[in-house]
N, C-alpha and C. Protein backbone atom coordinates (compact mmCIF):
# COMPACT_ATOMS: atom_id res chain seq x y z
N UNK A 1 -7.75 7.42 -3.15
CA UNK A 1 -7.66 6.81 -1.47
C UNK A 1 -7.02 5.98 -1.41
N UNK A 2 -5.51 6.27 -0.38
CA UNK A 2 -5.07 5.43 -0.36
C UNK A 2 -5.02 4.32 1.25
N UNK A 3 -5.35 3.53 1.40
CA UNK A 3 -5.06 2.97 2.39
C UNK A 3 -4.58 1.34 2.64
N UNK A 4 -4.16 0.77 3.63
CA UNK A 4 -3.82 -0.41 3.69
C UNK A 4 -2.23 0.13 4.14
N UNK A 5 -1.75 -2.04 4.71
CA UNK A 5 -0.44 -1.24 4.77
C UNK A 5 0.35 -2.46 4.10
N UNK A 6 1.53 -1.88 3.85
CA UNK A 6 2.20 -2.92 2.41
C UNK A 6 3.38 -3.15 3.14
N UNK A 7 3.82 -4.59 3.58
CA UNK A 7 5.07 -4.60 4.16
C UNK A 7 6.11 -5.05 2.72
N UNK A 8 7.25 -4.26 2.33
CA UNK A 8 7.66 -3.95 1.31
C UNK A 8 9.47 -4.18 1.65
N UNK A 9 10.16 -4.71 0.57
CA UNK A 9 11.77 -4.35 0.99
C UNK A 9 12.39 -3.44 -0.32
N UNK A 10 13.09 -2.90 0.22
CA UNK A 10 14.06 -1.15 -0.22
C UNK A 10 15.67 -1.88 -0.48
N UNK A 11 15.21 -1.85 -1.66
CA UNK A 11 16.41 -2.32 -2.39
C UNK A 11 17.76 -2.06 -1.90
N UNK A 12 18.99 -2.70 -2.39
CA UNK A 12 20.64 -1.93 -2.03
C UNK A 12 20.66 -0.86 -2.30
N UNK A 13 20.24 -0.22 -3.89
CA UNK A 13 20.08 1.14 -4.27
C UNK A 13 19.00 2.22 -3.29
N UNK A 14 18.42 1.68 -2.43
CA UNK A 14 17.18 2.44 -1.89
C UNK A 14 16.54 2.49 -2.68
N UNK A 15 15.67 1.67 -3.19
CA UNK A 15 14.36 1.44 -3.96
C UNK A 15 13.18 0.69 -3.69
N UNK A 16 11.95 1.46 -3.87
CA UNK A 16 11.42 0.36 -3.08
C UNK A 16 10.14 0.98 -3.86
N UNK A 17 9.56 -0.62 -4.56
CA UNK A 17 7.95 -0.71 -5.71
C UNK A 17 6.82 -0.54 -4.96
N UNK A 18 6.28 0.35 -5.64
CA UNK A 18 5.04 1.04 -5.51
C UNK A 18 3.92 -0.13 -5.07
N UNK A 19 3.29 -0.59 -4.45
CA UNK A 19 2.42 -1.50 -5.23
C UNK A 19 1.64 -1.49 -5.98
N UNK A 20 1.35 -2.54 -6.21
CA UNK A 20 0.91 -2.88 -7.82
C UNK A 20 -1.08 -2.32 -7.61
N UNK A 21 -1.94 -2.04 -6.12
CA UNK A 21 -3.12 -1.34 -6.22
C UNK A 21 -2.84 -0.18 -6.49
N UNK A 22 -1.70 0.85 -6.48
CA UNK A 22 -1.69 2.23 -6.27
C UNK A 22 -1.31 2.29 -7.81
N UNK A 23 -0.84 1.35 -8.79
CA UNK A 23 0.15 1.90 -9.81
C UNK A 23 -0.92 2.77 -10.55
N UNK A 24 -1.38 2.18 -11.08
CA UNK A 24 -2.51 2.32 -12.51
C UNK A 24 -3.01 3.82 -11.60
N UNK A 25 -3.13 3.74 -10.49
CA UNK A 25 -4.36 5.45 -10.58
C UNK A 25 -2.89 6.74 -9.78
N UNK A 26 -2.23 6.52 -9.73
CA UNK A 26 -0.46 7.01 -9.35
C UNK A 26 0.22 7.68 -11.16
N UNK A 27 -0.09 7.11 -11.67
CA UNK A 27 0.87 6.88 -13.43
C UNK A 27 -0.57 7.73 -13.57
N UNK A 28 -2.38 7.27 -13.81
CA UNK A 28 -2.61 8.11 -14.55
C UNK A 28 -3.27 9.38 -13.62
N UNK A 29 -3.13 9.70 -12.55
CA UNK A 29 -2.91 11.16 -11.65
C UNK A 29 -1.80 11.93 -11.79
N UNK A 30 -0.65 11.10 -11.63
CA UNK A 30 0.68 12.31 -12.00
C UNK A 30 1.11 11.97 -12.61
N UNK A 31 0.85 11.11 -13.57
CA UNK A 31 2.27 10.23 -13.78
C UNK A 31 3.22 9.74 -13.34
N UNK A 32 2.74 9.03 -12.04
CA UNK A 32 3.65 8.38 -11.48
C UNK A 32 5.06 9.33 -10.65
N UNK A 33 4.50 10.66 -10.42
CA UNK A 33 5.57 11.17 -10.85
C UNK A 33 5.08 11.86 -9.07
N UNK A 34 5.93 11.62 -7.52
CA UNK A 34 5.73 11.44 -6.43
C UNK A 34 6.59 12.43 -5.41
N UNK A 35 6.41 12.93 -4.29
CA UNK A 35 7.53 14.12 -3.31
C UNK A 35 7.17 12.87 -2.09
N UNK A 36 8.57 12.96 -1.15
CA UNK A 36 8.81 11.91 -0.61
C UNK A 36 9.88 12.89 -0.12
N UNK A 37 8.76 13.28 1.82
CA UNK A 37 9.84 14.05 2.53
C UNK A 37 9.57 13.51 4.42
N UNK A 38 10.14 14.38 4.75
CA UNK A 38 10.46 13.91 6.42
C UNK A 38 8.47 13.53 7.04
N UNK A 39 8.24 12.60 7.84
CA UNK A 39 7.25 12.68 7.69
C UNK A 39 7.00 12.72 9.92
N UNK A 40 6.16 12.88 10.53
CA UNK A 40 6.17 13.17 11.65
C UNK A 40 6.16 10.64 12.59
N UNK A 41 6.43 11.10 13.69
CA UNK A 41 6.75 10.48 13.93
C UNK A 41 8.08 9.59 13.99
N UNK A 42 8.85 9.66 12.83
CA UNK A 42 10.08 9.02 11.94
C UNK A 42 9.48 8.30 11.04
N UNK A 43 8.70 8.50 10.65
CA UNK A 43 8.65 8.35 9.08
C UNK A 43 8.36 9.24 8.21
N UNK A 44 8.53 8.53 6.77
CA UNK A 44 8.92 9.71 5.82
C UNK A 44 6.98 9.43 5.18
N UNK A 45 7.22 11.08 4.33
CA UNK A 45 5.44 10.95 3.82
C UNK A 45 5.79 10.55 2.53
N UNK A 46 4.75 9.57 1.62
CA UNK A 46 5.45 9.69 0.39
C UNK A 46 3.71 10.55 -0.84
N UNK A 47 3.94 11.88 -1.01
CA UNK A 47 2.77 12.62 -1.47
C UNK A 47 2.65 12.59 -3.16
N UNK A 48 1.14 12.09 -3.94
CA UNK A 48 1.69 12.37 -5.29
C UNK A 48 1.54 13.63 -5.64
N UNK A 49 2.50 13.79 -6.49
CA UNK A 49 3.03 15.61 -6.77
C UNK A 49 1.88 16.54 -6.67
N UNK A 50 0.52 16.37 -7.42
CA UNK A 50 -0.24 17.76 -7.26
C UNK A 50 -1.18 17.71 -6.02
N UNK A 51 -0.83 16.61 -5.37
CA UNK A 51 -1.69 16.18 -3.67
C UNK A 51 -0.39 17.66 -2.94
N UNK A 52 0.92 17.21 -2.82
CA UNK A 52 1.88 17.75 -2.50
C UNK A 52 1.83 19.06 -2.61
N UNK A 53 1.45 19.75 -4.04
CA UNK A 53 1.91 20.87 -4.84
C UNK A 53 0.61 21.72 -3.73
N UNK A 54 -0.42 21.28 -3.29
CA UNK A 54 -1.75 21.93 -2.59
C UNK A 54 -0.58 22.80 -1.19
N UNK A 55 -0.02 21.08 -0.45
CA UNK A 55 0.41 22.07 1.14
C UNK A 55 1.27 21.82 1.36
N UNK A 56 1.69 22.09 0.57
CA UNK A 56 3.18 22.79 -0.56
C UNK A 56 2.24 24.81 -0.06
N UNK A 57 2.18 25.03 -0.76
CA UNK A 57 1.72 26.01 -0.87
C UNK A 57 0.88 26.54 0.06
N UNK A 58 -0.12 25.65 0.39
CA UNK A 58 -0.69 25.92 1.76
C UNK A 58 0.94 26.40 3.04
N UNK A 59 1.40 25.76 2.95
CA UNK A 59 2.09 25.53 3.44
C UNK A 59 3.10 27.18 3.99
N UNK A 60 3.97 27.52 3.02
CA UNK A 60 4.78 28.56 2.53
C UNK A 60 3.76 29.40 2.16
N UNK A 61 2.91 29.66 2.24
CA UNK A 61 1.85 31.02 2.55
C UNK A 61 1.71 31.79 4.05
N UNK A 62 1.84 30.58 4.63
CA UNK A 62 1.82 30.29 6.53
C UNK A 62 2.24 32.04 6.92
N UNK A 63 2.63 32.45 7.84
CA UNK A 63 3.76 33.54 8.73
C UNK A 63 4.67 32.83 8.89
N UNK A 64 5.82 33.62 8.36
CA UNK A 64 6.80 32.63 8.74
C UNK A 64 7.42 33.24 9.71
N UNK A 65 7.10 33.88 10.73
CA UNK A 65 7.51 34.53 11.96
C UNK A 65 7.42 34.05 13.25
N UNK A 66 6.77 33.20 13.40
CA UNK A 66 6.36 32.09 14.00
C UNK A 66 7.78 31.08 13.63
N UNK A 67 8.62 30.96 14.83
CA UNK A 67 10.02 29.30 15.22
C UNK A 67 9.25 28.48 14.36
N UNK A 68 7.86 27.46 15.09
CA UNK A 68 7.73 26.09 14.89
C UNK A 68 7.14 26.60 13.29
N UNK A 69 6.14 27.15 12.60
CA UNK A 69 6.04 27.00 11.13
C UNK A 69 7.10 27.32 10.85
N UNK A 70 8.48 27.83 11.22
CA UNK A 70 10.02 27.83 10.08
C UNK A 70 10.46 26.37 10.25
N UNK A 71 10.06 25.78 11.34
CA UNK A 71 10.86 24.45 11.17
C UNK A 71 10.07 23.87 10.20
N UNK A 72 9.07 23.92 10.69
CA UNK A 72 7.74 22.98 9.93
C UNK A 72 8.07 22.52 8.36
N UNK A 73 8.23 24.34 7.81
CA UNK A 73 8.66 24.76 6.29
C UNK A 73 10.05 24.73 5.97
N UNK A 74 10.61 24.75 6.82
CA UNK A 74 12.39 23.81 6.27
C UNK A 74 12.46 22.13 6.48
N UNK A 75 11.61 22.35 7.25
CA UNK A 75 11.70 20.14 7.51
C UNK A 75 10.81 19.55 6.07
N UNK A 76 9.99 19.96 5.88
CA UNK A 76 8.80 19.51 5.17
C UNK A 76 9.17 19.62 3.73
N UNK A 77 9.56 21.21 3.50
CA UNK A 77 9.98 21.75 2.03
C UNK A 77 10.71 21.55 2.02
N UNK A 78 11.79 21.95 2.86
CA UNK A 78 13.64 21.82 2.49
C UNK A 78 13.96 19.84 2.06
N UNK A 79 13.26 19.41 3.14
CA UNK A 79 13.78 17.84 2.10
C UNK A 79 12.74 17.08 0.97
N UNK A 80 11.48 17.95 0.80
CA UNK A 80 11.01 17.30 -0.22
C UNK A 80 11.52 17.35 -1.04
N UNK A 81 11.98 15.54 -2.09
CA UNK A 81 12.31 15.02 -3.30
C UNK A 81 11.53 14.38 -4.17
N UNK A 82 11.44 15.04 -5.52
CA UNK A 82 10.52 14.84 -5.95
C UNK A 82 11.19 13.19 -7.04
N UNK A 83 10.43 12.50 -7.03
CA UNK A 83 10.85 10.63 -7.26
C UNK A 83 9.34 10.78 -8.77
N UNK A 84 10.13 9.82 -9.35
CA UNK A 84 8.90 9.47 -10.23
C UNK A 84 8.75 7.94 -10.39
N UNK A 85 8.18 7.19 -10.67
CA UNK A 85 7.89 5.43 -10.54
C UNK A 85 8.55 5.22 -12.05
N UNK A 86 9.66 3.97 -11.75
CA UNK A 86 10.36 4.19 -12.97
C UNK A 86 10.04 2.46 -13.74
N UNK A 87 9.98 2.46 -15.12
CA UNK A 87 9.20 1.27 -15.54
C UNK A 87 9.05 -0.19 -14.70
N UNK A 88 9.74 -0.14 -13.40
CA UNK A 88 9.26 -1.38 -12.34
C UNK A 88 8.20 -1.01 -11.03
N UNK A 89 8.07 0.37 -11.51
CA UNK A 89 7.27 0.73 -10.09
C UNK A 89 7.91 1.05 -9.43
N UNK A 90 9.28 1.11 -9.26
CA UNK A 90 9.96 1.33 -8.38
C UNK A 90 9.85 3.05 -8.18
N UNK A 91 10.19 3.61 -6.96
CA UNK A 91 11.11 4.81 -6.16
C UNK A 91 12.45 5.16 -5.43
N UNK A 92 13.11 6.27 -5.84
CA UNK A 92 14.09 6.08 -4.92
C UNK A 92 13.82 6.77 -4.57
N UNK A 93 14.33 6.25 -3.24
CA UNK A 93 14.07 6.97 -1.62
C UNK A 93 16.12 7.45 -1.21
N UNK A 94 15.76 8.97 -1.31
CA UNK A 94 17.66 10.05 -0.91
C UNK A 94 18.09 9.45 0.19
N UNK A 95 19.29 9.00 0.31
CA UNK A 95 19.86 8.44 1.42
C UNK A 95 19.75 9.38 2.81
N UNK A 96 19.37 10.69 2.90
CA UNK A 96 19.51 11.72 4.04
C UNK A 96 17.56 10.90 4.35
N UNK A 97 16.84 11.13 2.72
CA UNK A 97 15.70 10.47 3.46
C UNK A 97 15.93 8.96 4.55
N UNK A 98 16.28 7.75 4.07
CA UNK A 98 16.41 7.20 4.67
C UNK A 98 17.25 7.49 5.80
N UNK A 99 18.21 7.43 5.70
CA UNK A 99 19.05 7.77 7.55
C UNK A 99 17.54 8.45 9.07
N UNK A 100 17.07 9.48 7.83
CA UNK A 100 16.04 10.08 8.78
C UNK A 100 15.28 9.08 9.54
N UNK A 101 14.43 8.52 9.15
CA UNK A 101 13.27 7.23 9.25
C UNK A 101 13.76 5.55 9.28
N UNK A 102 15.69 5.41 9.56
CA UNK A 102 16.57 4.43 9.92
C UNK A 102 15.86 3.37 8.96
N UNK A 103 15.39 3.69 8.05
CA UNK A 103 14.86 2.21 6.53
C UNK A 103 15.77 1.47 6.63
N UNK A 104 15.60 0.01 7.22
CA UNK A 104 16.65 -1.21 6.70
C UNK A 104 15.98 -1.71 5.45
N UNK A 105 16.03 -2.76 4.93
CA UNK A 105 15.71 -3.85 3.99
C UNK A 105 14.40 -3.88 3.99
N UNK A 106 13.53 -4.36 5.26
CA UNK A 106 12.30 -4.41 5.14
C UNK A 106 11.72 -3.31 5.39
N UNK A 107 10.69 -2.62 5.10
CA UNK A 107 9.80 -1.48 5.08
C UNK A 107 8.12 -2.19 5.45
N UNK A 108 7.47 -0.44 5.46
CA UNK A 108 6.03 -1.16 5.51
C UNK A 108 5.86 0.58 4.93
N UNK A 109 4.46 0.51 4.38
CA UNK A 109 4.12 1.59 3.32
C UNK A 109 2.81 1.49 4.23
N UNK A 110 1.76 2.36 4.10
CA UNK A 110 0.80 2.84 4.57
C UNK A 110 -0.01 3.69 4.58
N UNK A 111 -1.55 3.59 3.70
CA UNK A 111 -2.04 4.57 2.58
C UNK A 111 -2.77 5.11 4.38
N UNK A 112 -2.36 6.77 3.96
CA UNK A 112 -3.34 7.50 4.92
C UNK A 112 -4.31 8.43 4.65
N UNK A 113 -4.85 7.79 3.49
CA UNK A 113 -6.10 8.67 2.32
C UNK A 113 -5.37 9.31 1.24
N UNK A 114 -4.72 10.80 1.75
CA UNK A 114 -4.28 11.25 0.42
C UNK A 114 -2.51 11.27 0.07
N UNK A 115 -2.03 10.14 0.86
CA UNK A 115 -0.66 10.20 1.55
C UNK A 115 -0.33 9.03 1.73
N UNK A 116 1.01 8.79 1.16
CA UNK A 116 1.47 7.49 2.20
C UNK A 116 2.48 7.92 3.39
N UNK A 117 2.42 6.87 3.99
CA UNK A 117 3.76 6.99 5.30
C UNK A 117 4.50 6.01 4.92
N UNK A 118 5.87 6.02 4.88
CA UNK A 118 6.66 5.13 4.89
C UNK A 118 8.07 4.78 6.27
N UNK A 119 7.45 3.49 6.54
CA UNK A 119 8.20 2.92 7.62
C UNK A 119 9.12 2.17 7.76
N UNK A 120 10.60 2.23 8.97
CA UNK A 120 11.17 0.87 8.66
C UNK A 120 9.98 0.08 9.14
N UNK A 121 10.28 -1.49 8.59
CA UNK A 121 9.30 -2.51 9.58
C UNK A 121 8.96 -2.56 10.74
N UNK A 122 10.47 -2.40 11.37
CA UNK A 122 10.42 -2.87 13.22
C UNK A 122 9.55 -1.80 13.58
N UNK A 123 10.39 0.07 13.05
CA UNK A 123 10.06 0.75 14.01
C UNK A 123 8.44 0.82 13.84
N UNK A 124 7.66 0.38 13.11
CA UNK A 124 6.45 0.63 12.68
C UNK A 124 5.74 -0.28 13.60
N UNK A 125 6.49 -2.00 13.77
CA UNK A 125 6.13 -2.66 14.80
C UNK A 125 5.68 -2.59 16.01
N UNK A 126 7.02 -1.51 16.40
CA UNK A 126 6.78 -1.01 18.04
C UNK A 126 6.00 -0.18 17.68
N UNK A 127 5.97 1.06 16.96
CA UNK A 127 5.18 1.99 17.39
C UNK A 127 3.17 1.38 17.57
N UNK A 128 2.85 1.06 16.66
CA UNK A 128 1.94 -0.46 16.29
C UNK A 128 1.50 -0.69 17.30
N UNK A 129 2.33 -1.07 18.45
CA UNK A 129 2.08 -2.06 19.71
C UNK A 129 1.73 -0.78 20.33
N UNK A 130 2.38 0.38 20.77
CA UNK A 130 2.47 1.26 21.12
C UNK A 130 1.28 1.84 21.20
N UNK A 131 0.18 2.40 19.94
CA UNK A 131 -0.55 3.23 20.03
C UNK A 131 -1.84 2.00 20.04
N UNK A 132 -1.80 0.21 20.01
CA UNK A 132 -2.46 -0.38 20.39
C UNK A 132 -2.76 -0.38 21.91
N UNK A 133 -1.90 -0.32 22.67
CA UNK A 133 -1.89 -0.33 24.54
C UNK A 133 -3.75 0.44 24.37
N UNK A 134 -4.90 0.15 24.59
CA UNK A 134 -5.90 0.27 25.40
C UNK A 134 -5.51 1.30 25.99
N UNK A 135 -4.50 1.37 27.15
CA UNK A 135 -5.01 3.03 27.88
C UNK A 135 -3.70 3.96 27.78
N UNK A 136 -2.95 3.75 26.67
CA UNK A 136 -1.98 5.34 26.04
C UNK A 136 -3.30 5.51 24.81
N UNK A 137 -4.00 5.08 24.07
CA UNK A 137 -4.48 5.40 23.60
C UNK A 137 -6.27 5.78 23.79
N UNK A 138 -6.83 5.33 24.60
CA UNK A 138 -8.00 6.75 25.40
C UNK A 138 -7.61 7.15 25.75
N UNK A 139 -6.25 7.61 26.90
CA UNK A 139 -5.71 8.74 27.43
C UNK A 139 -5.64 10.31 26.54
N UNK A 140 -5.21 9.22 24.37
CA UNK A 140 -4.51 10.14 24.50
C UNK A 140 -5.80 11.04 23.69
N UNK A 141 -6.72 10.60 23.29
CA UNK A 141 -7.78 10.20 22.45
C UNK A 141 -8.66 12.13 21.99
N UNK A 142 -8.66 13.18 22.06
CA UNK A 142 -8.83 14.29 21.79
C UNK A 142 -10.59 14.08 21.85
N UNK A 143 -11.37 15.32 21.96
CA UNK A 143 -12.74 15.67 21.51
C UNK A 143 -12.88 14.95 20.52
N UNK A 144 -12.60 14.83 19.16
CA UNK A 144 -13.15 15.11 18.20
C UNK A 144 -13.09 13.55 18.33
N UNK A 145 -12.10 12.96 18.31
CA UNK A 145 -11.90 11.39 18.22
C UNK A 145 -12.78 10.97 19.22
N UNK A 146 -13.38 11.38 20.77
CA UNK A 146 -14.24 10.84 21.57
C UNK A 146 -14.85 10.72 20.82
N UNK A 147 -15.62 11.70 19.98
CA UNK A 147 -17.13 11.56 20.33
C UNK A 147 -17.21 10.45 18.90
N UNK A 148 -16.53 10.22 18.53
CA UNK A 148 -16.41 9.30 16.96
C UNK A 148 -16.99 7.92 17.40
N UNK A 149 -17.90 7.08 16.73
CA UNK A 149 -18.16 5.83 16.83
C UNK A 149 -17.26 5.11 15.42
N UNK A 150 -16.75 4.24 15.39
CA UNK A 150 -16.15 2.69 15.18
C UNK A 150 -17.05 2.05 15.12
């Protein structure tokens, strides 16, 4: 289970180090192999390889006669990039993915249960403030979220 926010640096070659608290479990479960792909809201999704394989199988099994389904398949599967943690636990983010997420030197890795989201630090800060606005968040709650006690 991945949770928490980690502020990290993207090096000149486009590599980012996976935080120490996740390294052992990622090496044990997936031998350090991850998938990075386009995410939602301007971030990248980073999945352990075995988790991604299940998602990819389910996604590609959907009927592709619907334009929205085809678009999601093309983006998520089309941009899915296999990466492997190196000896220093860094992963290389492809230039096309860095461009999509507008990643600068300072990035944020956000644990989201079965995956991570990788954000440019300034975009994350802006989105976080937008989401924390009481009126905006309260207006957007669906029935399931509205019934949840936190």
